[in-house]
Amino acid sequence: MAIVTGGNIVSLSLNYDGSGFCVSQGGNFLLISFFGYFGSAVWGSLIYLVADNMKPRYSHVFLGLLIVVLLLALVLWADKASTIIILGAMIMLYSAMFKFADSSVLKSLLRFIGVFVLLDAIRSPAALIDGRDRGDGSQLADITLMPEIVWIGVWFLTGLSMLFFIYRMSYKH
């Protein structure tokens, strides 16, 4: 969201516990703070829905695009050892999937990745309920004067809504 709103990404930090943060400069601070967790739910849903609706033969192309995104993040924004290790491991895993997985299996793996990202987007905002008054929820509370728990609730409900949406979309098939 930093790039979309005219800012730039300074660095990306990923931790082994699944948490992380992105340091940006410029752009719309409100949207950047909101889209961290919201964007994760959208991203997971998008991965799932694209994989679910594409023909199996396109699964390698889609996975290739995900690998390129990870490579760009590694080269442009990775700022510490854990980030480099995590992105490197993901690139190696996705590359192995790209090379060895049958298109139909790969399509299922991509759906799994999408659901995993979405479930993590539902779980992650709960880490903000810690009383430390820091993170995206706290920043949004300062900007909007709405309590942090409201933003946590919005992100949680967004994730649940997206999960229900992809369930309904898949059920139609």
C-alpha atoms as a PDB file:
ATOM      1  CA  MET A   1       0.000   0.000   0.000  1.00  0.00           C
ATOM      2  CA  ALA A   2       2.990   2.275   0.542  1.00  0.00           C
ATOM      3  CA  ILE A   3       3.878   2.093  -3.146  1.00  0.00           C
ATOM      4  CA  VAL A   4       0.248   2.400  -4.287  1.00  0.00           C
ATOM      5  CA  THR A   5      -0.196   5.618  -2.272  1.00  0.00           C
ATOM      6  CA  GLY A   6       3.020   7.243  -3.524  1.00  0.00           C
ATOM      7  CA  GLY A   7       5.489   6.112  -0.880  1.00  0.00           C
ATOM      8  CA  ASN A   8       8.262   3.583  -0.969  1.00  0.00           C
ATOM      9  CA  ILE A   9       9.346   0.576   1.024  1.00  0.00           C
ATOM     10  CA  VAL A  10      12.514   1.061   3.040  1.00  0.00           C
ATOM     11  CA  SER A  11      12.846  -2.439   4.492  1.00  0.00           C
ATOM     12  CA  LEU A  12      11.014  -5.680   5.168  1.00  0.00           C
ATOM     13  CA  SER A  13      11.585  -7.731   8.307  1.00  0.00           C
ATOM     14  CA  LEU A  14      10.250 -11.253   8.807  1.00  0.00           C
ATOM     15  CA  ASN A  15      10.538 -13.230  12.034  1.00  0.00           C
ATOM     16  CA  TYR A  16      10.565 -16.980  12.576  1.00  0.00           C
ATOM     17  CA  ASP A  17       7.306 -16.806  14.549  1.00  0.00           C
ATOM     18  CA  GLY A  18       5.440 -15.565  11.459  1.00  0.00           C
ATOM     19  CA  SER A  19       5.389 -11.928  12.496  1.00  0.00           C
ATOM     20  CA  GLY A  20       7.135  -9.120  10.729  1.00  0.00           C
ATOM     21  CA  PHE A  21       6.906  -5.537   9.669  1.00  0.00           C
ATOM     22  CA  CYS A  22       7.488  -3.294   6.720  1.00  0.00           C
ATOM     23  CA  VAL A  23       9.127   0.101   7.105  1.00  0.00           C
ATOM     24  CA  SER A  24       7.912   2.613   4.540  1.00  0.00           C
ATOM     25  CA  GLN A  25       8.459   6.240   3.751  1.00  0.00           C
ATOM     26  CA  GLY A  26       5.812   8.579   2.388  1.00  0.00           C
ATOM     27  CA  GLY A  27       2.411   7.476   1.164  1.00  0.00           C
ATOM     28  CA  ASN A  28      -0.887   7.496   3.048  1.00  0.00           C
ATOM     29  CA  PHE A  29      -0.071   6.414   6.603  1.00  0.00           C
ATOM     30  CA  LEU A  30      -3.687   5.514   7.455  1.00  0.00           C
ATOM     31  CA  LEU A  31      -4.045   3.200   4.456  1.00  0.00           C
ATOM     32  CA  ILE A  32      -0.581   1.710   4.954  1.00  0.00           C
ATOM     33  CA  SER A  33      -1.350   0.907   8.615  1.00  0.00           C
ATOM     34  CA  PHE A  34      -4.761  -0.540   7.766  1.00  0.00           C
ATOM     35  CA  PHE A  35      -3.655  -2.656   4.814  1.00  0.00           C
ATOM     36  CA  GLY A  36      -0.998  -4.635   6.675  1.00  0.00           C
ATOM     37  CA  TYR A  37      -3.523  -7.056   8.162  1.00  0.00           C
ATOM     38  CA  PHE A  38      -6.338  -6.345   5.724  1.00  0.00           C
ATOM     39  CA  GLY A  39      -3.993  -6.914   2.784  1.00  0.00           C
ATOM     40  CA  SER A  40      -2.943 -10.291   4.174  1.00  0.00           C
ATOM     41  CA  ALA A  41      -6.556 -11.464   4.125  1.00  0.00           C
ATOM     42  CA  VAL A  42      -7.020 -10.116   0.607  1.00  0.00           C
ATOM     43  CA  TRP A  43      -3.722 -11.648  -0.565  1.00  0.00           C
ATOM     44  CA  GLY A  44      -4.559 -15.101   0.849  1.00  0.00           C
ATOM     45  CA  SER A  45      -8.042 -14.989  -0.681  1.00  0.00           C
ATOM     46  CA  LEU A  46      -6.659 -13.849  -4.015  1.00  0.00           C
ATOM     47  CA  ILE A  47      -4.084 -16.655  -4.133  1.00  0.00           C
ATOM     48  CA  TYR A  48      -6.789 -19.184  -3.321  1.00  0.00           C
ATOM     49  CA  LEU A  49      -9.356 -17.843  -5.776  1.00  0.00           C
ATOM     50  CA  VAL A  50      -6.900 -17.503  -8.651  1.00  0.00           C
ATOM     51  CA  ALA A  51      -5.617 -21.037  -8.067  1.00  0.00           C
ATOM     52  CA  ASP A  52      -9.125 -22.417  -7.647  1.00  0.00           C
ATOM     53  CA  ASN A  53     -10.449 -20.848 -10.838  1.00  0.00           C
ATOM     54  CA  MET A  54      -7.531 -21.375 -13.201  1.00  0.00           C
ATOM     55  CA  LYS A  55      -6.914 -24.346 -15.412  1.00  0.00           C
ATOM     56  CA  PRO A  56      -4.245 -26.619 -13.911  1.00  0.00           C
ATOM     57  CA  ARG A  57      -1.856 -25.908 -16.803  1.00  0.00           C
ATOM     58  CA  TYR A  58      -1.597 -22.266 -15.654  1.00  0.00           C
ATOM     59  CA  SER A  59      -0.570 -23.181 -12.108  1.00  0.00           C
ATOM     60  CA  HIS A  60       3.125 -23.102 -13.029  1.00  0.00           C
ATOM     61  CA  VAL A  61       2.757 -19.591 -14.450  1.00  0.00           C
ATOM     62  CA  PHE A  62       1.010 -18.382 -11.307  1.00  0.00           C
ATOM     63  CA  LEU A  63       3.595 -19.970  -9.021  1.00  0.00           C
ATOM     64  CA  GLY A  64       6.324 -18.430 -11.172  1.00  0.00           C
ATOM     65  CA  LEU A  65       4.804 -14.997 -10.527  1.00  0.00           C
ATOM     66  CA  LEU A  66       4.792 -15.660  -6.775  1.00  0.00           C
ATOM     67  CA  ILE A  67       8.462 -16.662  -6.968  1.00  0.00           C
ATOM     68  CA  VAL A  68       9.276 -13.400  -8.788  1.00  0.00           C
ATOM     69  CA  VAL A  69       7.478 -11.385  -6.074  1.00  0.00           C
ATOM     70  CA  LEU A  70       9.476 -13.186  -3.377  1.00  0.00           C
ATOM     71  CA  LEU A  71      12.732 -12.626  -5.276  1.00  0.00           C
ATOM     72  CA  LEU A  72      11.969  -8.913  -5.597  1.00  0.00           C
ATOM     73  CA  ALA A  73      11.241  -8.671  -1.879  1.00  0.00           C
ATOM     74  CA  LEU A  74      14.499 -10.480  -1.106  1.00  0.00           C
ATOM     75  CA  VAL A  75      16.641  -8.323  -3.370  1.00  0.00           C
ATOM     76  CA  LEU A  76      14.986  -4.958  -2.752  1.00  0.00           C
ATOM     77  CA  TRP A  77      13.863  -4.942   0.870  1.00  0.00           C
ATOM     78  CA  ALA A  78      15.220  -7.807   3.021  1.00  0.00           C
ATOM     79  CA  ASP A  79      17.117  -6.187   5.876  1.00  0.00           C
ATOM     80  CA  LYS A  80      18.151  -8.877   8.341  1.00  0.00           C
ATOM     81  CA  ALA A  81      19.303 -12.490   8.426  1.00  0.00           C
ATOM     82  CA  SER A  82      15.947 -13.987   9.414  1.00  0.00           C
ATOM     83  CA  THR A  83      14.222 -12.213   6.523  1.00  0.00           C
ATOM     84  CA  ILE A  84      16.825 -13.455   4.051  1.00  0.00           C
ATOM     85  CA  ILE A  85      16.574 -17.017   5.407  1.00  0.00           C
ATOM     86  CA  ILE A  86      12.751 -17.059   5.386  1.00  0.00           C
ATOM     87  CA  LEU A  87      12.438 -15.580   1.887  1.00  0.00           C
ATOM     88  CA  GLY A  88      15.238 -17.836   0.622  1.00  0.00           C
ATOM     89  CA  ALA A  89      13.527 -20.920   2.067  1.00  0.00           C
ATOM     90  CA  MET A  90      10.200 -19.921   0.524  1.00  0.00           C
ATOM     91  CA  ILE A  91      11.841 -19.327  -2.861  1.00  0.00           C
ATOM     92  CA  MET A  92      13.578 -22.725  -2.708  1.00  0.00           C
ATOM     93  CA  LEU A  93      10.369 -24.498  -1.647  1.00  0.00           C
ATOM     94  CA  TYR A  94       8.279 -22.794  -4.322  1.00  0.00           C
ATOM     95  CA  SER A  95      10.985 -23.481  -6.920  1.00  0.00           C
ATOM     96  CA  ALA A  96      10.996 -27.177  -5.989  1.00  0.00           C
ATOM     97  CA  MET A  97       7.215 -27.216  -6.275  1.00  0.00           C
ATOM     98  CA  PHE A  98       7.525 -25.484  -9.656  1.00  0.00           C
ATOM     99  CA  LYS A  99      10.027 -28.038 -10.923  1.00  0.00           C
ATOM    100  CA  PHE A 100       8.645 -31.274  -9.521  1.00  0.00           C
ATOM    101  CA  ALA A 101       4.893 -30.881  -8.957  1.00  0.00           C
ATOM    102  CA  ASP A 102       2.325 -31.987 -11.485  1.00  0.00           C
ATOM    103  CA  SER A 103       0.013 -29.129 -12.574  1.00  0.00           C
ATOM    104  CA  SER A 104      -3.022 -30.561 -10.758  1.00  0.00           C
ATOM    105  CA  VAL A 105      -1.035 -31.108  -7.554  1.00  0.00           C
ATOM    106  CA  LEU A 106       0.437 -27.628  -7.868  1.00  0.00           C
ATOM    107  CA  LYS A 107      -3.028 -26.135  -8.178  1.00  0.00           C
ATOM    108  CA  SER A 108      -3.995 -27.831  -4.895  1.00  0.00           C
ATOM    109  CA  LEU A 109      -0.778 -26.639  -3.226  1.00  0.00           C
ATOM    110  CA  LEU A 110      -1.504 -23.067  -4.317  1.00  0.00           C
ATOM    111  CA  ARG A 111      -4.997 -23.295  -2.838  1.00  0.00           C
ATOM    112  CA  PHE A 112      -3.420 -24.579   0.392  1.00  0.00           C
ATOM    113  CA  ILE A 113      -0.992 -21.635   0.434  1.00  0.00           C
ATOM    114  CA  GLY A 114      -3.884 -19.212  -0.057  1.00  0.00           C
ATOM    115  CA  VAL A 115      -5.887 -20.725   2.810  1.00  0.00           C
ATOM    116  CA  PHE A 116      -2.790 -20.774   5.033  1.00  0.00           C
ATOM    117  CA  VAL A 117      -2.134 -17.063   4.389  1.00  0.00           C
ATOM    118  CA  LEU A 118      -5.795 -16.266   5.010  1.00  0.00           C
ATOM    119  CA  LEU A 119      -5.934 -18.237   8.272  1.00  0.00           C
ATOM    120  CA  ASP A 120      -2.786 -16.467   9.425  1.00  0.00           C
ATOM    121  CA  ALA A 121      -4.448 -13.131   8.590  1.00  0.00           C
ATOM    122  CA  ILE A 122      -7.306 -14.142  10.910  1.00  0.00           C
ATOM    123  CA  ARG A 123      -4.940 -15.202  13.709  1.00  0.00           C
ATOM    124  CA  SER A 124      -2.312 -12.459  13.513  1.00  0.00           C
ATOM    125  CA  PRO A 125      -4.280  -9.409  14.723  1.00  0.00           C
ATOM    126  CA  ALA A 126      -4.839 -11.192  18.044  1.00  0.00           C
ATOM    127  CA  ALA A 127      -1.139 -10.589  18.798  1.00  0.00           C
ATOM    128  CA  LEU A 128      -1.985  -6.888  19.074  1.00  0.00           C
ATOM    129  CA  ILE A 129      -4.097  -7.549  22.165  1.00  0.00           C
ATOM    130  CA  ASP A 130      -1.111  -7.259  24.452  1.00  0.00           C
ATOM    131  CA  GLY A 131      -1.546  -3.935  26.219  1.00  0.00           C
ATOM    132  CA  ARG A 132       1.744  -2.595  24.835  1.00  0.00           C
ATOM    133  CA  ASP A 133       0.074   0.083  22.692  1.00  0.00           C
ATOM    134  CA  ARG A 134       2.254  -0.437  19.631  1.00  0.00           C
ATOM    135  CA  GLY A 135       1.731  -1.676  16.093  1.00  0.00           C
ATOM    136  CA  ASP A 136      -0.768  -0.948  13.349  1.00  0.00           C
ATOM    137  CA  GLY A 137      -3.813  -1.046  15.619  1.00  0.00           C
ATOM    138  CA  SER A 138      -2.310   1.472  18.009  1.00  0.00           C
ATOM    139  CA  GLN A 139      -1.262   3.746  15.145  1.00  0.00           C
ATOM    140  CA  LEU A 140      -4.742   3.626  13.657  1.00  0.00           C
ATOM    141  CA  ALA A 141      -6.248   4.366  17.080  1.00  0.00           C
ATOM    142  CA  ASP A 142      -4.041   7.453  17.321  1.00  0.00           C
ATOM    143  CA  ILE A 143      -4.998   8.625  13.826  1.00  0.00           C
ATOM    144  CA  THR A 144      -8.742   7.929  13.971  1.00  0.00           C
ATOM    145  CA  LEU A 145      -9.450   8.110  17.732  1.00  0.00           C
ATOM    146  CA  MET A 146     -11.169   4.714  17.418  1.00  0.00           C
ATOM    147  CA  PRO A 147      -9.902   2.186  19.997  1.00  0.00           C
ATOM    148  CA  GLU A 148      -7.327  -0.357  18.860  1.00  0.00           C
ATOM    149  CA  ILE A 149      -9.742  -3.218  19.617  1.00  0.00           C
ATOM    150  CA  VAL A 150     -12.070  -1.874  16.915  1.00  0.00           C
ATOM    151  CA  TRP A 151      -9.322  -2.214  14.300  1.00  0.00           C
ATOM    152  CA  ILE A 152      -8.417  -5.674  15.569  1.00  0.00           C
ATOM    153  CA  GLY A 153     -12.083  -6.631  15.278  1.00  0.00           C
ATOM    154  CA  VAL A 154     -12.309  -5.229  11.742  1.00  0.00           C
ATOM    155  CA  TRP A 155      -9.271  -7.248  10.646  1.00  0.00           C
ATOM    156  CA  PHE A 156     -10.549 -10.400  12.342  1.00  0.00           C
ATOM    157  CA  LEU A 157     -14.014 -10.068  10.790  1.00  0.00           C
ATOM    158  CA  THR A 158     -12.469  -9.264   7.393  1.00  0.00           C
ATOM    159  CA  GLY A 159     -10.474 -12.496   7.536  1.00  0.00           C
ATOM    160  CA  LEU A 160     -13.514 -14.525   8.565  1.00  0.00           C
ATOM    161  CA  SER A 161     -15.599 -12.895   5.829  1.00  0.00           C
ATOM    162  CA  MET A 162     -12.962 -13.684   3.212  1.00  0.00           C
ATOM    163  CA  LEU A 163     -12.766 -17.273   4.438  1.00  0.00           C
ATOM    164  CA  PHE A 164     -16.541 -17.593   4.123  1.00  0.00           C
ATOM    165  CA  PHE A 165     -16.377 -15.954   0.674  1.00  0.00           C
ATOM    166  CA  ILE A 166     -13.794 -18.385  -0.701  1.00  0.00           C
ATOM    167  CA  TYR A 167     -15.754 -21.266   0.804  1.00  0.00           C
ATOM    168  CA  ARG A 168     -18.903 -20.093  -0.993  1.00  0.00           C
ATOM    169  CA  MET A 169     -17.030 -19.526  -4.267  1.00  0.00           C
ATOM    170  CA  SER A 170     -15.489 -22.994  -4.097  1.00  0.00           C
ATOM    171  CA  TYR A 171     -18.792 -24.552  -3.146  1.00  0.00           C
ATOM    172  CA  LYS A 172     -20.348 -23.182  -6.346  1.00  0.00           C
ATOM    173  CA  HIS A 173     -17.892 -25.289  -8.335  1.00  0.00           C
END
